[in-house]
N, C-alpha and C. Protein backbone atom coordinates (compact mmCIF):
# COMPACT_ATOMS: atom_id res chain seq x y z
N MET A 1 -8.70 -2.70 -8.16
CA MET A 1 -8.35 -3.47 -6.99
C MET A 1 -8.65 -2.66 -5.75
N ASN A 2 -8.83 -3.33 -4.64
CA ASN A 2 -9.04 -2.66 -3.36
C ASN A 2 -7.69 -2.45 -2.70
N VAL A 3 -7.47 -1.23 -2.22
CA VAL A 3 -6.25 -0.90 -1.49
C VAL A 3 -6.67 -0.51 -0.08
N LEU A 4 -6.12 -1.21 0.90
CA LEU A 4 -6.45 -0.98 2.31
C LEU A 4 -5.27 -0.34 3.02
N TYR A 5 -5.57 0.56 3.94
CA TYR A 5 -4.54 1.24 4.74
C TYR A 5 -4.84 1.03 6.22
N PHE A 6 -3.81 0.73 6.99
CA PHE A 6 -3.98 0.49 8.41
C PHE A 6 -3.09 1.41 9.24
N ALA A 7 -3.51 1.63 10.48
CA ALA A 7 -2.76 2.39 11.48
C ALA A 7 -2.41 3.79 10.98
N TRP A 8 -1.16 4.21 11.12
CA TRP A 8 -0.80 5.59 10.77
C TRP A 8 -0.88 5.86 9.27
N LEU A 9 -0.82 4.83 8.44
CA LEU A 9 -1.02 5.05 6.99
C LEU A 9 -2.45 5.52 6.74
N ARG A 10 -3.41 4.86 7.38
CA ARG A 10 -4.81 5.26 7.25
C ARG A 10 -5.00 6.69 7.74
N GLU A 11 -4.36 7.04 8.83
CA GLU A 11 -4.49 8.40 9.38
C GLU A 11 -3.89 9.44 8.44
N ARG A 12 -2.74 9.15 7.85
CA ARG A 12 -2.10 10.12 6.95
C ARG A 12 -2.88 10.29 5.64
N ILE A 13 -3.40 9.19 5.11
CA ILE A 13 -4.14 9.27 3.85
C ILE A 13 -5.58 9.70 4.08
N ASP A 14 -6.07 9.49 5.29
CA ASP A 14 -7.41 9.90 5.71
C ASP A 14 -8.52 9.06 5.07
N THR A 15 -8.20 7.79 4.83
CA THR A 15 -9.22 6.85 4.37
C THR A 15 -8.73 5.43 4.69
N PRO A 16 -9.64 4.54 5.05
CA PRO A 16 -9.21 3.17 5.32
C PRO A 16 -9.05 2.31 4.07
N ARG A 17 -9.69 2.74 2.95
CA ARG A 17 -9.61 1.93 1.73
C ARG A 17 -9.94 2.77 0.51
N GLU A 18 -9.43 2.30 -0.62
CA GLU A 18 -9.73 2.92 -1.90
C GLU A 18 -9.92 1.81 -2.92
N ARG A 19 -10.77 2.05 -3.87
CA ARG A 19 -10.90 1.16 -5.03
C ARG A 19 -10.21 1.88 -6.17
N ILE A 20 -9.16 1.27 -6.74
CA ILE A 20 -8.41 1.97 -7.79
C ILE A 20 -8.22 1.09 -9.02
N GLU A 21 -8.09 1.75 -10.14
CA GLU A 21 -7.66 1.12 -11.39
C GLU A 21 -6.19 1.50 -11.54
N THR A 22 -5.37 0.53 -11.89
CA THR A 22 -3.94 0.80 -11.97
C THR A 22 -3.31 0.08 -13.15
N SER A 23 -2.25 0.64 -13.66
CA SER A 23 -1.46 -0.03 -14.69
C SER A 23 -0.17 -0.58 -14.08
N ALA A 24 -0.03 -0.47 -12.77
CA ALA A 24 1.17 -0.94 -12.07
C ALA A 24 1.32 -2.45 -12.23
N THR A 25 2.56 -2.88 -12.37
CA THR A 25 2.81 -4.32 -12.48
C THR A 25 3.40 -4.92 -11.21
N THR A 26 3.94 -4.05 -10.33
CA THR A 26 4.49 -4.51 -9.05
C THR A 26 3.97 -3.61 -7.93
N VAL A 27 4.17 -4.06 -6.72
CA VAL A 27 3.79 -3.24 -5.56
C VAL A 27 4.53 -1.91 -5.60
N GLY A 28 5.81 -1.93 -5.92
CA GLY A 28 6.59 -0.70 -5.99
C GLY A 28 6.03 0.28 -7.00
N ASP A 29 5.60 -0.23 -8.15
CA ASP A 29 4.96 0.62 -9.16
C ASP A 29 3.67 1.22 -8.62
N LEU A 30 2.90 0.42 -7.91
CA LEU A 30 1.65 0.90 -7.32
C LEU A 30 1.93 2.01 -6.32
N VAL A 31 2.93 1.81 -5.47
CA VAL A 31 3.29 2.84 -4.49
C VAL A 31 3.66 4.14 -5.21
N ALA A 32 4.41 4.05 -6.29
CA ALA A 32 4.78 5.25 -7.05
C ALA A 32 3.54 5.96 -7.59
N GLU A 33 2.55 5.19 -8.07
CA GLU A 33 1.29 5.79 -8.54
C GLU A 33 0.55 6.45 -7.39
N LEU A 34 0.52 5.79 -6.23
CA LEU A 34 -0.19 6.35 -5.08
C LEU A 34 0.47 7.64 -4.61
N VAL A 35 1.79 7.65 -4.55
CA VAL A 35 2.53 8.85 -4.12
C VAL A 35 2.19 10.03 -5.03
N ALA A 36 2.01 9.76 -6.30
CA ALA A 36 1.69 10.83 -7.26
C ALA A 36 0.24 11.32 -7.14
N ARG A 37 -0.61 10.57 -6.45
CA ARG A 37 -2.02 10.93 -6.33
C ARG A 37 -2.27 12.17 -5.48
N SER A 38 -1.55 12.27 -4.35
CA SER A 38 -1.81 13.39 -3.44
C SER A 38 -0.66 13.57 -2.46
N ASP A 39 -0.65 14.72 -1.81
CA ASP A 39 0.34 14.97 -0.76
C ASP A 39 0.15 14.01 0.41
N ARG A 40 -1.10 13.64 0.68
CA ARG A 40 -1.37 12.69 1.79
C ARG A 40 -0.73 11.34 1.51
N HIS A 41 -0.90 10.86 0.27
CA HIS A 41 -0.29 9.58 -0.10
C HIS A 41 1.23 9.69 -0.04
N ALA A 42 1.76 10.79 -0.53
CA ALA A 42 3.21 10.99 -0.51
C ALA A 42 3.74 10.96 0.93
N ALA A 43 3.01 11.58 1.86
CA ALA A 43 3.43 11.58 3.26
C ALA A 43 3.38 10.17 3.85
N ALA A 44 2.37 9.41 3.49
CA ALA A 44 2.22 8.05 4.03
C ALA A 44 3.36 7.14 3.56
N PHE A 45 3.81 7.33 2.33
CA PHE A 45 4.84 6.46 1.77
C PHE A 45 6.22 7.13 1.72
N ALA A 46 6.42 8.18 2.50
CA ALA A 46 7.68 8.92 2.50
C ALA A 46 8.87 8.03 2.89
N ASP A 47 8.63 7.06 3.77
CA ASP A 47 9.68 6.14 4.20
C ASP A 47 9.22 4.71 3.90
N PRO A 48 9.43 4.24 2.69
CA PRO A 48 8.93 2.91 2.31
C PRO A 48 9.45 1.78 3.20
N ALA A 49 10.61 1.97 3.81
CA ALA A 49 11.15 0.93 4.69
C ALA A 49 10.28 0.71 5.92
N SER A 50 9.41 1.68 6.23
CA SER A 50 8.55 1.55 7.41
C SER A 50 7.14 1.07 7.04
N VAL A 51 6.99 0.55 5.82
CA VAL A 51 5.69 0.08 5.35
C VAL A 51 5.79 -1.39 4.95
N ARG A 52 4.83 -2.17 5.40
CA ARG A 52 4.71 -3.57 4.99
C ARG A 52 3.51 -3.69 4.07
N VAL A 53 3.49 -4.77 3.29
CA VAL A 53 2.40 -4.94 2.32
C VAL A 53 1.99 -6.41 2.26
N ALA A 54 0.70 -6.62 2.05
CA ALA A 54 0.15 -7.95 1.83
C ALA A 54 -0.71 -7.91 0.58
N LEU A 55 -0.56 -8.93 -0.25
CA LEU A 55 -1.40 -9.09 -1.43
C LEU A 55 -2.34 -10.26 -1.17
N ASP A 56 -3.63 -9.97 -1.23
CA ASP A 56 -4.64 -11.01 -0.93
C ASP A 56 -4.29 -11.74 0.36
N GLN A 57 -3.91 -10.98 1.38
CA GLN A 57 -3.61 -11.42 2.74
C GLN A 57 -2.35 -12.27 2.87
N GLU A 58 -1.42 -12.13 1.92
CA GLU A 58 -0.14 -12.82 1.99
C GLU A 58 0.98 -11.78 1.99
N LEU A 59 1.85 -11.81 3.00
CA LEU A 59 2.94 -10.85 3.09
C LEU A 59 3.89 -10.99 1.91
N VAL A 60 4.24 -9.86 1.32
CA VAL A 60 5.15 -9.83 0.17
C VAL A 60 6.06 -8.61 0.30
N ASP A 61 6.99 -8.45 -0.65
CA ASP A 61 7.81 -7.25 -0.67
C ASP A 61 7.38 -6.37 -1.84
N PHE A 62 8.02 -5.22 -1.99
CA PHE A 62 7.60 -4.24 -2.99
C PHE A 62 7.91 -4.69 -4.42
N ALA A 63 8.67 -5.75 -4.60
CA ALA A 63 8.96 -6.27 -5.93
C ALA A 63 7.89 -7.26 -6.40
N ALA A 64 6.97 -7.62 -5.53
CA ALA A 64 5.95 -8.62 -5.86
C ALA A 64 5.05 -8.16 -7.01
N PRO A 65 4.71 -9.08 -7.92
CA PRO A 65 3.82 -8.74 -9.03
C PRO A 65 2.37 -8.60 -8.58
N LEU A 66 1.63 -7.74 -9.28
CA LEU A 66 0.23 -7.48 -8.95
C LEU A 66 -0.75 -8.27 -9.81
N ALA A 67 -0.28 -9.02 -10.78
CA ALA A 67 -1.16 -9.76 -11.68
C ALA A 67 -2.13 -10.64 -10.90
N GLY A 68 -3.42 -10.47 -11.15
CA GLY A 68 -4.43 -11.29 -10.52
C GLY A 68 -4.78 -10.93 -9.09
N VAL A 69 -4.19 -9.89 -8.55
CA VAL A 69 -4.41 -9.50 -7.16
C VAL A 69 -5.71 -8.70 -7.03
N ALA A 70 -6.51 -9.03 -6.03
CA ALA A 70 -7.76 -8.31 -5.78
C ALA A 70 -7.61 -7.29 -4.66
N GLU A 71 -6.70 -7.56 -3.69
CA GLU A 71 -6.58 -6.69 -2.52
C GLU A 71 -5.12 -6.46 -2.15
N VAL A 72 -4.79 -5.20 -1.93
CA VAL A 72 -3.46 -4.80 -1.46
C VAL A 72 -3.66 -4.11 -0.12
N ALA A 73 -2.93 -4.54 0.90
CA ALA A 73 -3.02 -3.91 2.21
C ALA A 73 -1.66 -3.37 2.62
N PHE A 74 -1.65 -2.12 3.05
CA PHE A 74 -0.43 -1.48 3.54
C PHE A 74 -0.57 -1.23 5.03
N PHE A 75 0.50 -1.50 5.78
CA PHE A 75 0.46 -1.34 7.23
C PHE A 75 1.88 -1.19 7.77
N PRO A 76 2.01 -0.68 8.99
CA PRO A 76 3.35 -0.56 9.59
C PRO A 76 3.84 -1.92 10.06
N PRO A 77 5.14 -2.03 10.32
CA PRO A 77 5.66 -3.30 10.87
C PRO A 77 4.96 -3.63 12.18
N MET A 78 4.80 -4.91 12.43
CA MET A 78 4.13 -5.36 13.65
C MET A 78 5.16 -5.95 14.59
N THR A 79 4.86 -5.89 15.87
CA THR A 79 5.72 -6.52 16.84
C THR A 79 4.92 -7.58 17.58
N GLY A 80 5.60 -8.60 18.01
CA GLY A 80 4.94 -9.67 18.76
C GLY A 80 5.00 -9.40 20.25
N GLY A 81 4.25 -10.16 20.99
CA GLY A 81 4.26 -9.90 22.41
C GLY A 81 3.98 -11.10 23.22
């Protein structure tokens, strides 16, 4: 699946996207796998409450299942204006 990173997550991980193979069944499981990949990933996900996620461009929470998902995007909370 494609994993996209935006804003300060992209800066901490030092890449805008990765193509990964995963055995994760939920977003939370995926985050745990990513944290184990490198110190950069661990730093980006150090405070999960400050990270939002979308699966195939639909906002979800960390309990959401990954079955059939092609794209996961992680980004900070957004504010309106």
